[in-house]
Amino acid sequence: MDTRKLIMVAALCALSGCVTETSYVGPNSTQREVGPDLKAAAQTRLDLGIQYLRQGNAEQAKFNLDKALQYDPGNPQIQIGFAYFFQQVQDFKAAEASYRKALAMDPTNADAMNNYGAFLCNRGRFDEADQAFNQAIAQPDYVKIADTYENAALCALQDNRKDKASEYYHLALGYNPRDPGLLLDLAELSMKDDKLTDAQDYLVRYAAVAEENEQSLWLRLRLAQSMDKPALLHQFGTELVQRFPSSPQAKRYLANDY
């Protein structure tokens, strides 16, 4: 899922003690790698591979990932990188195989579990995804719990389990109470459940940590409508149109589709 949080390491050679020097990476280019630290070289190649993939250059991404694997074949993070690569090129069988390899190398790798859960949810395998997310959260010393709870919430929503999604969202917010995205998601969920006071509280908390955007203004005008406050509805609608005129929300407001 594009909206889910995959946990990747892609800080191009932002490594202490990195001793790899690269002139350019490519199958037909000249290159020079110096230094005995193959693990650092592998990390650099992994970072480059992910960066190329995000730029849409699958050939260079695959080349660098292959190099990373050559330098450090036992590193589960490289298998996570391959899984991400295969997902982007829509080779889902190979992506799952890479996740399984990563977890076979390190059965306690919470990053792999989180990303595998997002992959499984994308494939409609909701129960398996939920299990993977909860396994990640249960790992000792795992620090990205809020992200994984948010993923679990989004997956539960996709599976039409609103109560479970609400539970996961609240757990995520407990770990990261100033996360604007979580606050808006909970406001949206509260609106759908007709819990207008809760929605209003989440929007107040959102305004304390972030600037208004098209989503928050859209929620505010819909909340005003639900609370029968037409002046506020049009106030927020006007602000939405002025600040974000090309947004889908502004177009819906102008069409009275709210």
Protein backbone atom coordinates (compact mmCIF):
# COMPACT_ATOMS: atom_id res chain seq x y z
CA MET A 1 0.00 0.00 0.00
CA ASP A 2 1.37 3.32 -0.96
CA THR A 3 -0.06 4.90 2.17
CA ARG A 4 1.58 2.42 4.48
CA LYS A 5 4.89 3.01 6.12
CA LEU A 6 7.65 0.80 4.85
CA ILE A 7 10.77 0.86 6.95
CA MET A 8 13.86 1.17 4.81
CA VAL A 9 17.41 2.36 5.31
CA ALA A 10 18.24 4.75 2.49
CA ALA A 11 20.64 7.37 3.79
CA LEU A 12 23.09 7.34 0.94
CA CYS A 13 26.44 6.46 2.50
CA ALA A 14 25.51 8.19 5.75
CA LEU A 15 27.56 5.61 7.57
CA SER A 16 30.19 6.03 10.23
CA GLY A 17 33.35 4.36 9.02
CA CYS A 18 32.13 3.95 5.47
CA VAL A 19 35.24 3.17 3.48
CA THR A 20 33.71 2.57 0.08
CA GLU A 21 34.52 4.92 -2.77
CA THR A 22 32.45 4.79 -5.96
CA SER A 23 32.99 6.79 -9.13
CA TYR A 24 29.66 5.69 -10.70
CA VAL A 25 27.55 2.58 -10.54
CA GLY A 26 26.34 0.82 -13.62
CA PRO A 27 26.91 -2.37 -15.58
CA ASN A 28 29.02 -0.62 -18.23
CA SER A 29 30.76 1.98 -16.08
CA THR A 30 34.17 2.05 -14.52
CA GLN A 31 34.08 1.79 -10.77
CA ARG A 32 36.49 1.57 -7.89
CA GLU A 33 35.77 0.18 -4.45
CA VAL A 34 38.49 0.56 -1.83
CA GLY A 35 38.74 -0.69 1.72
CA PRO A 36 38.20 -4.02 3.42
CA ASP A 37 34.80 -3.28 4.94
CA LEU A 38 32.50 -5.26 2.68
CA LYS A 39 29.55 -4.74 5.00
CA ALA A 40 29.88 -0.97 4.61
CA ALA A 41 30.20 -1.41 0.84
CA ALA A 42 27.06 -3.55 0.88
CA GLN A 43 25.15 -0.90 2.85
CA THR A 44 26.23 1.77 0.38
CA ARG A 45 25.04 -0.37 -2.53
CA LEU A 46 21.76 -1.05 -0.75
CA ASP A 47 21.22 2.66 -0.16
CA LEU A 48 22.02 3.42 -3.80
CA GLY A 49 19.71 0.68 -5.01
CA ILE A 50 16.77 2.03 -3.00
CA GLN A 51 17.51 5.58 -4.15
CA TYR A 52 17.59 4.53 -7.81
CA LEU A 53 14.37 2.59 -7.36
CA ARG A 54 12.64 5.64 -5.91
CA GLN A 55 13.83 7.59 -8.94
CA GLY A 56 12.24 5.00 -11.23
CA ASN A 57 15.52 3.52 -12.48
CA ALA A 58 14.90 -0.19 -11.98
CA GLU A 59 18.01 -1.29 -13.91
CA GLN A 60 20.43 0.65 -11.72
CA ALA A 61 18.46 -0.35 -8.62
CA LYS A 62 18.79 -4.06 -9.44
CA PHE A 63 22.49 -3.71 -10.28
CA ASN A 64 23.27 -2.13 -6.92
CA LEU A 65 21.12 -4.57 -4.96
CA ASP A 66 22.90 -7.46 -6.64
CA LYS A 67 26.22 -5.92 -5.65
CA ALA A 68 25.03 -5.47 -2.06
CA LEU A 69 24.07 -9.14 -1.91
CA GLN A 70 27.43 -10.13 -3.34
CA TYR A 71 29.26 -8.18 -0.63
CA ASP A 72 27.08 -9.24 2.33
CA PRO A 73 24.91 -12.27 1.43
CA GLY A 74 23.77 -12.86 5.01
CA ASN A 75 22.31 -9.39 5.59
CA PRO A 76 18.50 -9.53 5.96
CA GLN A 77 18.19 -5.79 5.19
CA ILE A 78 19.35 -6.53 1.66
CA GLN A 79 16.56 -9.06 1.28
CA ILE A 80 14.11 -6.41 2.50
CA GLY A 81 15.54 -4.13 -0.19
CA PHE A 82 15.00 -6.82 -2.81
CA ALA A 83 11.43 -7.33 -1.58
CA TYR A 84 10.77 -3.60 -2.00
CA PHE A 85 12.31 -3.75 -5.48
CA PHE A 86 10.18 -6.70 -6.54
CA GLN A 87 7.04 -5.02 -5.20
CA GLN A 88 7.76 -1.93 -7.30
CA VAL A 89 8.22 -3.99 -10.46
CA GLN A 90 5.13 -6.06 -9.52
CA ASP A 91 6.91 -9.39 -9.24
CA PHE A 92 4.93 -10.33 -6.16
CA LYS A 93 6.05 -13.95 -5.98
CA ALA A 94 9.69 -12.85 -5.84
CA ALA A 95 8.83 -10.13 -3.30
CA GLU A 96 7.31 -12.67 -0.94
CA ALA A 97 10.28 -14.98 -1.38
CA SER A 98 12.61 -12.12 -0.41
CA TYR A 99 10.60 -11.34 2.72
CA ARG A 100 10.72 -14.99 3.71
CA LYS A 101 14.47 -15.07 3.16
CA ALA A 102 14.91 -11.99 5.35
CA LEU A 103 12.89 -13.56 8.16
CA ALA A 104 14.70 -16.88 7.79
CA MET A 105 17.98 -15.00 8.25
CA ASP A 106 16.65 -13.06 11.23
CA PRO A 107 13.33 -14.30 12.68
CA THR A 108 13.24 -11.30 15.05
CA ASN A 109 13.62 -8.63 12.34
CA ALA A 110 10.69 -6.32 13.09
CA ASP A 111 11.35 -4.13 10.02
CA ALA A 112 10.89 -7.17 7.79
CA MET A 113 7.73 -8.15 9.65
CA ASN A 114 6.25 -4.65 9.29
CA ASN A 115 6.99 -4.48 5.57
CA TYR A 116 5.82 -8.04 5.00
CA GLY A 117 2.57 -7.15 6.75
CA ALA A 118 2.05 -4.19 4.40
CA PHE A 119 2.79 -6.47 1.44
CA LEU A 120 0.31 -9.10 2.64
CA CYS A 121 -2.38 -6.48 3.18
CA ASN A 122 -1.85 -5.22 -0.35
CA ARG A 123 -2.48 -8.74 -1.55
CA GLY A 124 -5.73 -8.96 0.43
CA ARG A 125 -4.31 -11.42 2.96
CA PHE A 126 -5.60 -9.47 5.93
CA ASP A 127 -5.31 -12.04 8.72
CA GLU A 128 -1.71 -12.86 7.81
CA ALA A 129 -0.94 -9.15 7.62
CA ASP A 130 -2.40 -8.52 11.05
CA GLN A 131 -0.31 -11.33 12.46
CA ALA A 132 2.86 -9.91 10.89
CA PHE A 133 2.20 -6.42 12.29
CA ASN A 134 1.61 -7.77 15.77
CA GLN A 135 4.73 -9.91 15.59
CA ALA A 136 6.73 -6.80 14.71
CA ILE A 137 5.27 -4.85 17.61
CA ALA A 138 6.08 -7.68 20.01
CA GLN A 139 9.81 -7.67 19.23
CA PRO A 140 12.02 -6.41 22.08
CA ASP A 141 13.65 -3.01 21.51
CA TYR A 142 11.47 -2.24 18.47
CA VAL A 143 11.07 1.55 18.34
CA LYS A 144 8.80 2.05 15.30
CA ILE A 145 5.69 0.79 17.05
CA ALA A 146 3.53 3.80 16.10
CA ASP A 147 4.21 3.25 12.39
CA THR A 148 3.32 -0.43 12.61
CA TYR A 149 0.13 0.20 14.60
CA GLU A 150 -0.83 2.77 11.95
CA ASN A 151 -0.23 0.18 9.24
CA ALA A 152 -2.36 -2.31 11.16
CA ALA A 153 -5.13 0.29 11.43
CA LEU A 154 -5.07 1.04 7.71
CA CYS A 155 -5.16 -2.65 6.94
CA ALA A 156 -8.09 -3.21 9.29
CA LEU A 157 -9.97 -0.41 7.52
CA GLN A 158 -9.29 -2.06 4.17
CA ASP A 159 -10.78 -5.23 5.65
CA ASN A 160 -13.86 -3.23 6.82
CA ARG A 161 -13.04 -3.75 10.52
CA LYS A 162 -13.60 -0.25 11.84
CA ASP A 163 -13.53 -1.19 15.52
CA LYS A 164 -10.17 -2.90 15.13
CA ALA A 165 -8.86 0.04 13.10
CA SER A 166 -9.94 2.46 15.82
CA GLU A 167 -8.16 0.35 18.44
CA TYR A 168 -4.93 0.33 16.44
CA TYR A 169 -5.14 4.06 15.70
CA HIS A 170 -5.49 4.85 19.38
CA LEU A 171 -2.53 2.62 20.20
CA ALA A 172 -0.46 4.36 17.52
CA LEU A 173 -1.44 7.78 18.87
CA GLY A 174 -0.39 6.72 22.34
CA TYR A 175 3.14 6.19 21.05
CA ASN A 176 3.13 9.32 18.88
CA PRO A 177 0.49 11.77 20.23
CA ARG A 178 1.60 14.68 18.03
CA ASP A 179 1.46 12.86 14.70
CA PRO A 180 -0.72 15.03 12.40
CA GLY A 181 -1.63 12.16 10.09
CA LEU A 182 -2.87 10.02 12.94
CA LEU A 183 -4.95 12.88 14.32
CA LEU A 184 -6.63 13.45 10.96
CA ASP A 185 -7.23 9.75 10.46
CA LEU A 186 -8.88 9.52 13.87
CA ALA A 187 -10.96 12.62 13.13
CA GLU A 188 -12.13 11.00 9.89
CA LEU A 189 -12.94 7.75 11.65
CA SER A 190 -14.84 9.61 14.37
CA MET A 191 -16.85 11.43 11.74
CA LYS A 192 -17.83 8.14 10.11
CA ASP A 193 -18.93 6.82 13.51
CA ASP A 194 -20.92 10.01 14.16
CA LYS A 195 -18.71 10.85 17.16
CA LEU A 196 -18.65 14.55 16.39
CA THR A 197 -17.20 15.73 19.70
CA ASP A 198 -14.29 13.31 19.31
CA ALA A 199 -13.72 14.50 15.75
CA GLN A 200 -13.67 18.11 16.92
CA ASP A 201 -11.16 17.26 19.67
CA TYR A 202 -8.82 15.57 17.19
CA LEU A 203 -8.99 18.57 14.86
CA VAL A 204 -8.16 20.92 17.75
CA ARG A 205 -5.15 18.76 18.57
CA TYR A 206 -4.17 18.72 14.90
CA ALA A 207 -4.23 22.53 14.71
CA ALA A 208 -1.81 22.66 17.64
CA VAL A 209 0.86 20.65 15.80
CA ALA A 210 0.43 21.32 12.06
CA GLU A 211 -0.76 23.80 9.45
CA GLU A 212 -4.19 23.36 7.93
CA ASN A 213 -4.20 21.41 4.67
CA GLU A 214 -6.87 20.33 2.22
CA GLN A 215 -7.72 17.23 4.26
CA SER A 216 -8.08 19.05 7.57
CA LEU A 217 -10.19 21.84 6.05
CA TRP A 218 -12.37 19.27 4.32
CA LEU A 219 -12.94 17.53 7.64
CA ARG A 220 -13.69 20.85 9.33
CA LEU A 221 -16.34 21.88 6.82
CA ARG A 222 -17.97 18.44 6.93
CA LEU A 223 -17.97 18.56 10.72
CA ALA A 224 -19.57 22.02 10.59
CA GLN A 225 -22.25 20.64 8.29
CA SER A 226 -22.90 17.71 10.64
CA MET A 227 -23.16 20.13 13.57
CA ASP A 228 -25.53 22.39 11.58
CA LYS A 229 -23.18 25.35 11.50
CA PRO A 230 -23.52 26.69 7.93
CA ALA A 231 -21.44 29.82 8.55
CA LEU A 232 -18.47 27.74 9.67
CA LEU A 233 -19.02 25.34 6.78
CA HIS A 234 -18.68 28.11 4.23
CA GLN A 235 -15.82 29.75 6.13
CA PHE A 236 -13.75 26.57 5.91
CA GLY A 237 -14.95 25.96 2.36
CA THR A 238 -13.83 29.41 1.26
CA GLU A 239 -10.44 28.90 2.87
CA LEU A 240 -10.14 25.53 1.15
CA VAL A 241 -10.87 27.01 -2.28
CA GLN A 242 -8.52 29.95 -1.74
CA ARG A 243 -5.58 27.94 -0.46
CA PHE A 244 -5.99 24.68 -2.39
CA PRO A 245 -8.04 25.56 -5.49
CA SER A 246 -7.00 22.53 -7.54
CA SER A 247 -7.56 19.97 -4.79
CA PRO A 248 -10.32 17.36 -5.17
CA GLN A 249 -11.79 18.60 -1.90
CA ALA A 250 -12.13 22.16 -3.21
CA LYS A 251 -13.82 20.89 -6.36
CA ARG A 252 -16.26 18.86 -4.29
CA TYR A 253 -17.04 21.87 -2.10
CA LEU A 254 -17.76 24.02 -5.14
CA ALA A 255 -20.04 21.28 -6.45
CA ASN A 256 -21.86 21.16 -3.09
CA ASP A 257 -20.75 17.53 -2.79
CA TYR A 258 -20.05 17.28 0.91
